[in-house]
Protein backbone atom coordinates (compact mmCIF):
# COMPACT_ATOMS: atom_id res chain seq x y z
CA MET A 1 106.71 103.67 39.56
CA LYS A 2 108.99 106.61 40.31
CA THR A 3 111.26 108.21 37.77
CA GLU A 4 114.84 107.72 38.89
CA ILE A 5 117.32 110.55 38.34
CA VAL A 6 120.94 109.86 39.25
CA ILE A 7 123.65 112.51 39.06
CA CYS A 8 127.34 111.74 39.08
CA LEU A 9 129.10 113.12 42.14
CA GLY A 10 132.60 112.23 40.96
CA SER A 11 135.26 114.93 41.20
CA SER A 12 135.36 115.59 37.45
CA CYS A 13 131.59 116.14 37.18
CA PHE A 14 131.63 118.14 40.40
CA SER A 15 134.34 120.45 39.08
CA ARG A 16 132.39 120.85 35.83
CA GLY A 17 129.33 122.19 37.64
CA SER A 18 127.24 119.32 38.95
CA LYS A 19 126.77 121.13 42.28
CA LYS A 20 124.71 123.88 40.61
CA THR A 21 122.84 121.29 38.54
CA ILE A 22 121.93 119.35 41.70
CA GLN A 23 120.25 122.43 43.13
CA LEU A 24 118.41 123.14 39.88
CA ILE A 25 117.06 119.57 39.80
CA LYS A 26 115.98 119.76 43.46
CA ASP A 27 114.22 123.08 42.81
CA TYR A 28 112.55 121.71 39.67
CA ILE A 29 111.22 118.68 41.55
CA LYS A 30 109.91 120.85 44.38
CA ASN A 31 108.44 123.61 42.19
CA ASN A 32 106.63 121.06 40.02
CA LYS A 33 105.43 119.04 43.04
CA LEU A 34 107.14 115.87 41.79
CA GLU A 35 108.53 114.71 45.15
CA ASP A 36 106.27 111.63 45.13
CA GLN A 37 107.07 110.82 41.50
CA VAL A 38 110.86 111.27 41.31
CA TYR A 39 113.67 109.51 43.15
CA PHE A 40 116.69 111.82 42.84
CA HIS A 41 120.08 110.80 44.20
CA GLY A 42 123.78 110.84 43.45
CA ASN A 43 126.33 108.17 42.71
CA HIS A 44 130.07 108.02 42.37
CA CYS A 45 131.91 108.25 39.09
CA SER A 46 129.94 106.90 36.15
CA GLY A 47 133.11 106.47 34.08
CA ASN A 48 132.23 109.10 31.50
CA CYS A 49 134.35 111.87 33.02
CA ALA A 50 135.30 113.61 29.77
CA ASN A 51 131.62 114.24 29.03
CA GLY A 52 130.46 115.31 32.48
CA PRO A 53 128.45 116.30 34.28
CA VAL A 54 126.50 113.12 33.67
CA ILE A 55 123.01 112.22 34.81
CA LYS A 56 120.88 109.15 34.23
CA ILE A 57 117.12 109.28 33.99
CA ASN A 58 115.54 105.83 34.28
CA GLY A 59 118.86 104.31 33.22
CA LYS A 60 119.39 106.45 30.11
CA GLU A 61 122.59 108.47 30.33
CA TYR A 62 122.81 112.14 29.41
CA SER A 63 126.18 113.89 29.29
CA ASN A 64 127.45 117.47 29.27
CA ILE A 65 124.61 118.51 31.56
CA SER A 66 124.68 122.14 32.63
CA SER A 67 122.48 124.82 34.10
CA ASP A 68 121.77 125.84 30.49
CA ASN A 69 120.24 122.52 29.40
CA ILE A 70 119.00 120.69 32.52
CA ILE A 71 115.54 122.31 32.70
CA SER A 72 114.82 121.53 29.05
CA LEU A 73 115.92 117.93 29.59
CA LEU A 74 113.73 117.57 32.69
CA ASN A 75 110.75 119.08 30.87
CA THR A 76 111.21 116.62 28.00
CA THR A 77 111.89 113.47 30.02
CA LEU A 78 109.50 113.97 32.92
CA LYS A 79 106.53 114.86 30.75
CA LYS A 80 106.95 111.54 28.91
CA ASN A 81 106.66 109.58 32.16
């Protein structure tokens, strides 16, 4: 079963930096050869705009995601799976 990572593409999350985070996640998946293990995609507003950018990993929501904390989160969550 693939790990699902969903990033909010709503305007609030986008303006708070989700574009850079998207690229970091793509690079992480590629550099760690996880393409066959991770399904990464975007969705529209998750309704948690004040705490964006927001991502969900296997349904669990993480807020205030940035280039400063995304790699640590991926290391923690993807090594569990």
